[in-house]
PDB file of N, CA and C in Angstrom:
ATOM      1  N   MET A   1      88.545 -15.144  85.305  1.00  0.00           N
ATOM      2  CA  MET A   1      89.243 -13.921  84.980  1.00  0.00           C
ATOM      3  C   MET A   1      90.684 -14.035  85.470  1.00  0.00           C
ATOM      4  N   ARG A   2      91.625 -13.589  84.623  1.00  0.00           N
ATOM      5  CA  ARG A   2      93.034 -13.598  84.977  1.00  0.00           C
ATOM      6  C   ARG A   2      93.487 -12.188  85.305  1.00  0.00           C
ATOM      7  N   LEU A   3      94.337 -12.094  86.273  1.00  0.00           N
ATOM      8  CA  LEU A   3      94.909 -10.813  86.659  1.00  0.00           C
ATOM      9  C   LEU A   3      96.378 -10.803  86.273  1.00  0.00           C
ATOM     10  N   PHE A   4      96.797  -9.783  85.543  1.00  0.00           N
ATOM     11  CA  PHE A   4      98.190  -9.640  85.149  1.00  0.00           C
ATOM     12  C   PHE A   4      98.773  -8.415  85.831  1.00  0.00           C
ATOM     13  N   ILE A   5      99.980  -8.568  86.323  1.00  0.00           N
ATOM     14  CA  ILE A   5     100.665  -7.447  86.954  1.00  0.00           C
ATOM     15  C   ILE A   5     101.808  -7.026  86.033  1.00  0.00           C
ATOM     16  N   PHE A   6     101.789  -5.772  85.644  1.00  0.00           N
ATOM     17  CA  PHE A   6     102.816  -5.237  84.764  1.00  0.00           C
ATOM     18  C   PHE A   6     103.509  -4.069  85.439  1.00  0.00           C
ATOM     19  N   ARG A   7     104.723  -3.830  85.009  1.00  0.00           N
ATOM     20  CA  ARG A   7     105.466  -2.652  85.444  1.00  0.00           C
ATOM     21  C   ARG A   7     105.879  -1.891  84.196  1.00  0.00           C
ATOM     22  N   ALA A   8     105.901  -0.589  84.316  1.00  0.00           N
ATOM     23  CA  ALA A   8     106.274   0.246  83.177  1.00  0.00           C
ATOM     24  C   ALA A   8     107.428   1.161  83.567  1.00  0.00           C
ATOM     25  N   VAL A   9     108.277   1.438  82.591  1.00  0.00           N
ATOM     26  CA  VAL A   9     109.348   2.410  82.744  1.00  0.00           C
ATOM     27  C   VAL A   9     109.183   3.409  81.613  1.00  0.00           C
ATOM     28  N   THR A  10     109.209   4.694  81.935  1.00  0.00           N
ATOM     29  CA  THR A  10     109.052   5.728  80.912  1.00  0.00           C
ATOM     30  C   THR A  10     110.183   6.735  81.016  1.00  0.00           C
ATOM     31  N   ASP A  11     110.394   7.440  79.941  1.00  0.00           N
ATOM     32  CA  ASP A  11     111.401   8.499  79.917  1.00  0.00           C
ATOM     33  C   ASP A  11     110.910   9.585  78.974  1.00  0.00           C
ATOM     34  N   ASP A  12     111.320  10.797  79.241  1.00  0.00           N
ATOM     35  CA  ASP A  12     110.905  11.904  78.391  1.00  0.00           C
ATOM     36  C   ASP A  12     112.133  12.616  77.835  1.00  0.00           C
ATOM     37  N   SER A  13     111.922  13.359  76.791  1.00  0.00           N
ATOM     38  CA  SER A  13     112.989  14.131  76.175  1.00  0.00           C
ATOM     39  C   SER A  13     112.387  15.400  75.592  1.00  0.00           C
ATOM     40  N   ALA A  14     113.044  16.512  75.848  1.00  0.00           N
ATOM     41  CA  ALA A  14     112.594  17.793  75.299  1.00  0.00           C
ATOM     42  C   ALA A  14     113.796  18.710  75.155  1.00  0.00           C
ATOM     43  N   ALA A  15     113.763  19.547  74.138  1.00  0.00           N
ATOM     44  CA  ALA A  15     114.829  20.527  73.936  1.00  0.00           C
ATOM     45  C   ALA A  15     114.622  21.694  74.893  1.00  0.00           C
ATOM     46  N   GLU A  16     115.729  22.278  75.315  1.00  0.00           N
ATOM     47  CA  GLU A  16     115.639  23.448  76.190  1.00  0.00           C
ATOM     48  C   GLU A  16     115.468  24.735  75.393  1.00  0.00           C
ATOM     49  N   THR A  17     115.820  24.687  74.118  1.00  0.00           N
ATOM     50  CA  THR A  17     115.652  25.862  73.251  1.00  0.00           C
ATOM     51  C   THR A  17     115.017  25.416  71.944  1.00  0.00           C
ATOM     52  N   GLY A  18     114.483  26.355  71.196  1.00  0.00           N
ATOM     53  CA  GLY A  18     113.898  26.032  69.899  1.00  0.00           C
ATOM     54  C   GLY A  18     112.597  25.264  70.042  1.00  0.00           C
ATOM     55  N   ASP A  19     112.478  24.194  69.280  1.00  0.00           N
ATOM     56  CA  ASP A  19     111.270  23.356  69.275  1.00  0.00           C
ATOM     57  C   ASP A  19     111.023  22.804  70.676  1.00  0.00           C
ATOM     58  N   LYS A  20     109.884  23.068  71.248  1.00  0.00           N
ATOM     59  CA  LYS A  20     109.580  22.693  72.632  1.00  0.00           C
ATOM     60  C   LYS A  20     108.728  21.431  72.749  1.00  0.00           C
ATOM     61  N   ARG A  21     108.651  20.629  71.679  1.00  0.00           N
ATOM     62  CA  ARG A  21     107.860  19.400  71.775  1.00  0.00           C
ATOM     63  C   ARG A  21     108.464  18.453  72.812  1.00  0.00           C
ATOM     64  N   LEU A  22     107.607  17.734  73.478  1.00  0.00           N
ATOM     65  CA  LEU A  22     108.014  16.746  74.478  1.00  0.00           C
ATOM     66  C   LEU A  22     107.787  15.357  73.897  1.00  0.00           C
ATOM     67  N   PHE A  23     108.773  14.494  74.033  1.00  0.00           N
ATOM     68  CA  PHE A  23     108.653  13.118  73.580  1.00  0.00           C
ATOM     69  C   PHE A  23     108.677  12.205  74.792  1.00  0.00           C
ATOM     70  N   LEU A  24     107.787  11.245  74.803  1.00  0.00           N
ATOM     71  CA  LEU A  24     107.680  10.306  75.901  1.00  0.00           C
ATOM     72  C   LEU A  24     107.673   8.891  75.327  1.00  0.00           C
ATOM     73  N   ALA A  25     108.504   8.038  75.891  1.00  0.00           N
ATOM     74  CA  ALA A  25     108.575   6.643  75.448  1.00  0.00           C
ATOM     75  C   ALA A  25     108.539   5.752  76.679  1.00  0.00           C
ATOM     76  N   GLY A  26     108.141   4.521  76.495  1.00  0.00           N
ATOM     77  CA  GLY A  26     108.089   3.630  77.630  1.00  0.00           C
ATOM     78  C   GLY A  26     108.131   2.174  77.232  1.00  0.00           C
ATOM     79  N   TYR A  27     108.350   1.355  78.218  1.00  0.00           N
ATOM     80  CA  TYR A  27     108.370  -0.092  78.059  1.00  0.00           C
ATOM     81  C   TYR A  27     107.479  -0.707  79.115  1.00  0.00           C
ATOM     82  N   LEU A  28     106.769  -1.730  78.725  1.00  0.00           N
ATOM     83  CA  LEU A  28     105.835  -2.405  79.616  1.00  0.00           C
ATOM     84  C   LEU A  28     106.158  -3.893  79.592  1.00  0.00           C
ATOM     85  N   LEU A  29     106.417  -4.456  80.754  1.00  0.00           N
ATOM     86  CA  LEU A  29     106.719  -5.882  80.894  1.00  0.00           C
ATOM     87  C   LEU A  29     106.059  -6.420  82.149  1.00  0.00           C
ATOM     88  N   SER A  30     105.968  -7.726  82.200  1.00  0.00           N
ATOM     89  CA  SER A  30     105.516  -8.366  83.438  1.00  0.00           C
ATOM     90  C   SER A  30     106.618  -8.204  84.482  1.00  0.00           C
ATOM     91  N   ALA A  31     106.270  -8.379  85.729  1.00  0.00           N
ATOM     92  CA  ALA A  31     107.260  -8.282  86.804  1.00  0.00           C
ATOM     93  C   ALA A  31     108.392  -9.284  86.572  1.00  0.00           C
ATOM     94  N   GLU A  32     108.058 -10.483  86.113  1.00  0.00           N
ATOM     95  CA  GLU A  32     109.077 -11.499  85.839  1.00  0.00           C
ATOM     96  C   GLU A  32     109.970 -11.072  84.675  1.00  0.00           C
ATOM     97  N   GLY A  33     109.365 -10.463  83.652  1.00  0.00           N
ATOM     98  CA  GLY A  33     110.136  -9.970  82.517  1.00  0.00           C
ATOM     99  C   GLY A  33     111.129  -8.905  82.923  1.00  0.00           C
ATOM    100  N   TRP A  34     110.708  -7.985  83.819  1.00  0.00           N
ATOM    101  CA  TRP A  34     111.619  -6.949  84.291  1.00  0.00           C
ATOM    102  C   TRP A  34     112.749  -7.555  85.109  1.00  0.00           C
ATOM    103  N   ALA A  35     112.466  -8.581  85.883  1.00  0.00           N
ATOM    104  CA  ALA A  35     113.511  -9.231  86.671  1.00  0.00           C
ATOM    105  C   ALA A  35     114.575  -9.824  85.742  1.00  0.00           C
ATOM    106  N   GLU A  36     114.143 -10.486  84.685  1.00  0.00           N
ATOM    107  CA  GLU A  36     115.085 -11.049  83.712  1.00  0.00           C
ATOM    108  C   GLU A  36     115.873  -9.944  83.012  1.00  0.00           C
ATOM    109  N   PHE A  37     115.172  -8.900  82.587  1.00  0.00           N
ATOM    110  CA  PHE A  37     115.837  -7.785  81.922  1.00  0.00           C
ATOM    111  C   PHE A  37     116.845  -7.124  82.854  1.00  0.00           C
ATOM    112  N   SER A  38     116.468  -6.924  84.102  1.00  0.00           N
ATOM    113  CA  SER A  38     117.334  -6.256  85.065  1.00  0.00           C
ATOM    114  C   SER A  38     118.657  -7.004  85.240  1.00  0.00           C
ATOM    115  N   GLU A  39     118.592  -8.308  85.317  1.00  0.00           N
ATOM    116  CA  GLU A  39     119.810  -9.104  85.456  1.00  0.00           C
ATOM    117  C   GLU A  39     120.681  -8.997  84.206  1.00  0.00           C
ATOM    118  N   ALA A  40     120.067  -9.064  83.033  1.00  0.00           N
ATOM    119  CA  ALA A  40     120.819  -8.958  81.780  1.00  0.00           C
ATOM    120  C   ALA A  40     121.421  -7.559  81.628  1.00  0.00           C
ATOM    121  N   TRP A  41     120.660  -6.524  81.997  1.00  0.00           N
ATOM    122  CA  TRP A  41     121.135  -5.142  81.904  1.00  0.00           C
ATOM    123  C   TRP A  41     122.321  -4.927  82.839  1.00  0.00           C
ATOM    124  N   ASP A  42     122.258  -5.473  84.046  1.00  0.00           N
ATOM    125  CA  ASP A  42     123.355  -5.339  84.996  1.00  0.00           C
ATOM    126  C   ASP A  42     124.628  -5.975  84.431  1.00  0.00           C
ATOM    127  N   ARG A  43     124.494  -7.133  83.803  1.00  0.00           N
ATOM    128  CA  ARG A  43     125.659  -7.774  83.179  1.00  0.00           C
ATOM    129  C   ARG A  43     126.222  -6.893  82.064  1.00  0.00           C
ATOM    130  N   ALA A  44     125.339  -6.305  81.259  1.00  0.00           N
ATOM    131  CA  ALA A  44     125.787  -5.443  80.159  1.00  0.00           C
ATOM    132  C   ALA A  44     126.532  -4.215  80.676  1.00  0.00           C
ATOM    133  N   LEU A  45     126.036  -3.610  81.741  1.00  0.00           N
ATOM    134  CA  LEU A  45     126.679  -2.426  82.300  1.00  0.00           C
ATOM    135  C   LEU A  45     128.059  -2.728  82.871  1.00  0.00           C
ATOM    136  N   HIS A  46     128.287  -3.977  83.273  1.00  0.00           N
ATOM    137  CA  HIS A  46     129.571  -4.335  83.871  1.00  0.00           C
ATOM    138  C   HIS A  46     130.604  -4.827  82.866  1.00  0.00           C
ATOM    139  N   ARG A  47     130.228  -4.894  81.591  1.00  0.00           N
ATOM    140  CA  ARG A  47     131.214  -5.244  80.568  1.00  0.00           C
ATOM    141  C   ARG A  47     132.182  -4.084  80.394  1.00  0.00           C
ATOM    142  N   LYS A  48     133.359  -4.393  79.906  1.00  0.00           N
ATOM    143  CA  LYS A  48     134.342  -3.341  79.651  1.00  0.00           C
ATOM    144  C   LYS A  48     134.107  -2.759  78.268  1.00  0.00           C
ATOM    145  N   PRO A  49     134.233  -1.456  78.106  1.00  0.00           N
ATOM    146  CA  PRO A  49     134.441  -0.459  79.152  1.00  0.00           C
ATOM    147  C   PRO A  49     133.169  -0.270  79.978  1.00  0.00           C
ATOM    148  N   ARG A  50     133.317  -0.223  81.288  1.00  0.00           N
ATOM    149  CA  ARG A  50     132.203  -0.242  82.226  1.00  0.00           C
ATOM    150  C   ARG A  50     131.575   1.139  82.394  1.00  0.00           C
ATOM    151  N   ILE A  51     130.233   1.156  82.495  1.00  0.00           N
ATOM    152  CA  ILE A  51     129.501   2.376  82.827  1.00  0.00           C
ATOM    153  C   ILE A  51     128.535   2.069  83.971  1.00  0.00           C
ATOM    154  N   GLU A  52     128.138   3.102  84.688  1.00  0.00           N
ATOM    155  CA  GLU A  52     127.215   2.946  85.816  1.00  0.00           C
ATOM    156  C   GLU A  52     125.753   2.996  85.363  1.00  0.00           C
ATOM    157  N   TYR A  53     125.485   3.728  84.288  1.00  0.00           N
ATOM    158  CA  TYR A  53     124.125   3.920  83.782  1.00  0.00           C
ATOM    159  C   TYR A  53     124.238   4.312  82.320  1.00  0.00           C
ATOM    160  N   LEU A  54     123.134   4.351  81.626  1.00  0.00           N
ATOM    161  CA  LEU A  54     123.143   4.788  80.228  1.00  0.00           C
ATOM    162  C   LEU A  54     122.219   5.981  80.072  1.00  0.00           C
ATOM    163  N   LYS A  55     122.787   7.073  79.625  1.00  0.00           N
ATOM    164  CA  LYS A  55     122.009   8.251  79.255  1.00  0.00           C
ATOM    165  C   LYS A  55     122.429   8.592  77.832  1.00  0.00           C
ATOM    166  N   MET A  56     121.481   8.471  76.896  1.00  0.00           N
ATOM    167  CA  MET A  56     121.810   8.604  75.487  1.00  0.00           C
ATOM    168  C   MET A  56     122.424   9.956  75.138  1.00  0.00           C
ATOM    169  N   ALA A  57     121.997  11.037  75.790  1.00  0.00           N
ATOM    170  CA  ALA A  57     122.575  12.352  75.502  1.00  0.00           C
ATOM    171  C   ALA A  57     124.065  12.359  75.842  1.00  0.00           C
ATOM    172  N   GLU A  58     124.452  11.682  76.919  1.00  0.00           N
ATOM    173  CA  GLU A  58     125.867  11.590  77.273  1.00  0.00           C
ATOM    174  C   GLU A  58     126.621  10.757  76.248  1.00  0.00           C
ATOM    175  N   ALA A  59     126.041   9.646  75.831  1.00  0.00           N
ATOM    176  CA  ALA A  59     126.693   8.790  74.846  1.00  0.00           C
ATOM    177  C   ALA A  59     126.860   9.537  73.523  1.00  0.00           C
ATOM    178  N   GLN A  60     125.809  10.171  73.053  1.00  0.00           N
ATOM    179  CA  GLN A  60     125.841  10.862  71.766  1.00  0.00           C
ATOM    180  C   GLN A  60     126.898  11.965  71.742  1.00  0.00           C
ATOM    181  N   ASN A  61     127.052  12.652  72.856  1.00  0.00           N
ATOM    182  CA  ASN A  61     127.963  13.803  72.914  1.00  0.00           C
ATOM    183  C   ASN A  61     129.287  13.514  73.608  1.00  0.00           C
ATOM    184  N   LEU A  62     129.539  12.233  73.918  1.00  0.00           N
ATOM    185  CA  LEU A  62     130.765  11.811  74.607  1.00  0.00           C
ATOM    186  C   LEU A  62     131.026  12.657  75.854  1.00  0.00           C
ATOM    187  N   ARG A  63     129.987  12.754  76.694  1.00  0.00           N
ATOM    188  CA  ARG A  63     130.072  13.470  77.968  1.00  0.00           C
ATOM    189  C   ARG A  63     129.774  12.499  79.101  1.00  0.00           C
ATOM    190  N   GLY A  64     129.910  12.974  80.342  1.00  0.00           N
ATOM    191  CA  GLY A  64     129.530  12.162  81.501  1.00  0.00           C
ATOM    192  C   GLY A  64     130.232  10.818  81.497  1.00  0.00           C
ATOM    193  N   GLN A  65     129.456   9.753  81.539  1.00  0.00           N
ATOM    194  CA  GLN A  65     129.996   8.395  81.548  1.00  0.00           C
ATOM    195  C   GLN A  65     130.875   8.103  80.330  1.00  0.00           C
ATOM    196  N   PHE A  66     130.685   8.843  79.264  1.00  0.00           N
ATOM    197  CA  PHE A  66     131.358   8.565  77.994  1.00  0.00           C
ATOM    198  C   PHE A  66     132.454   9.588  77.655  1.00  0.00           C
ATOM    199  N   ARG A  67     132.846  10.421  78.622  1.00  0.00           N
ATOM    200  CA  ARG A  67     133.772  11.519  78.336  1.00  0.00           C
ATOM    201  C   ARG A  67     135.150  11.051  77.870  1.00  0.00           C
ATOM    202  N   HIS A  68     135.578   9.848  78.231  1.00  0.00           N
ATOM    203  CA  HIS A  68     136.895   9.358  77.826  1.00  0.00           C
ATOM    204  C   HIS A  68     136.805   8.319  76.702  1.00  0.00           C
ATOM    205  N   TRP A  69     135.628   8.140  76.130  1.00  0.00           N
ATOM    206  CA  TRP A  69     135.425   7.139  75.084  1.00  0.00           C
ATOM    207  C   TRP A  69     135.708   7.736  73.717  1.00  0.00           C
ATOM    208  N   THR A  70     136.018   6.854  72.778  1.00  0.00           N
ATOM    209  CA  THR A  70     136.111   7.266  71.385  1.00  0.00           C
ATOM    210  C   THR A  70     134.745   7.035  70.743  1.00  0.00           C
ATOM    211  N   VAL A  71     134.554   7.600  69.563  1.00  0.00           N
ATOM    212  CA  VAL A  71     133.311   7.380  68.829  1.00  0.00           C
ATOM    213  C   VAL A  71     133.138   5.886  68.516  1.00  0.00           C
ATOM    214  N   VAL A  72     134.220   5.209  68.161  1.00  0.00           N
ATOM    215  CA  VAL A  72     134.163   3.786  67.856  1.00  0.00           C
ATOM    216  C   VAL A  72     133.698   2.978  69.073  1.00  0.00           C
ATOM    217  N   GLN A  73     134.258   3.274  70.251  1.00  0.00           N
ATOM    218  CA  GLN A  73     133.836   2.590  71.484  1.00  0.00           C
ATOM    219  C   GLN A  73     132.368   2.830  71.768  1.00  0.00           C
ATOM    220  N   LYS A  74     131.948   4.074  71.633  1.00  0.00           N
ATOM    221  CA  LYS A  74     130.546   4.431  71.895  1.00  0.00           C
ATOM    222  C   LYS A  74     129.604   3.694  70.945  1.00  0.00           C
ATOM    223  N   ASP A  75     129.939   3.670  69.675  1.00  0.00           N
ATOM    224  CA  ASP A  75     129.075   3.019  68.693  1.00  0.00           C
ATOM    225  C   ASP A  75     129.013   1.514  68.885  1.00  0.00           C
ATOM    226  N   LYS A  76     130.107   0.928  69.352  1.00  0.00           N
ATOM    227  CA  LYS A  76     130.121  -0.518  69.601  1.00  0.00           C
ATOM    228  C   LYS A  76     129.176  -0.860  70.725  1.00  0.00           C
TER     229      LYS A  76
END
């Protein structure tokens, strides 16, 4: 018998008004896979223009980390 160790990351999204459905998504990788992803993600975050984290609602609405970005920069 083989034992596999996995790690999962999940996120949820729900509207504060109107339709109250909750959406949940996640990713499942081996511990080694997450280590590789983490290093690649850190490199991506440090590219110019630099951001500290990615929150899609901020990107979509050019708020927070994206408040000084243009639509073209955000889409790229």
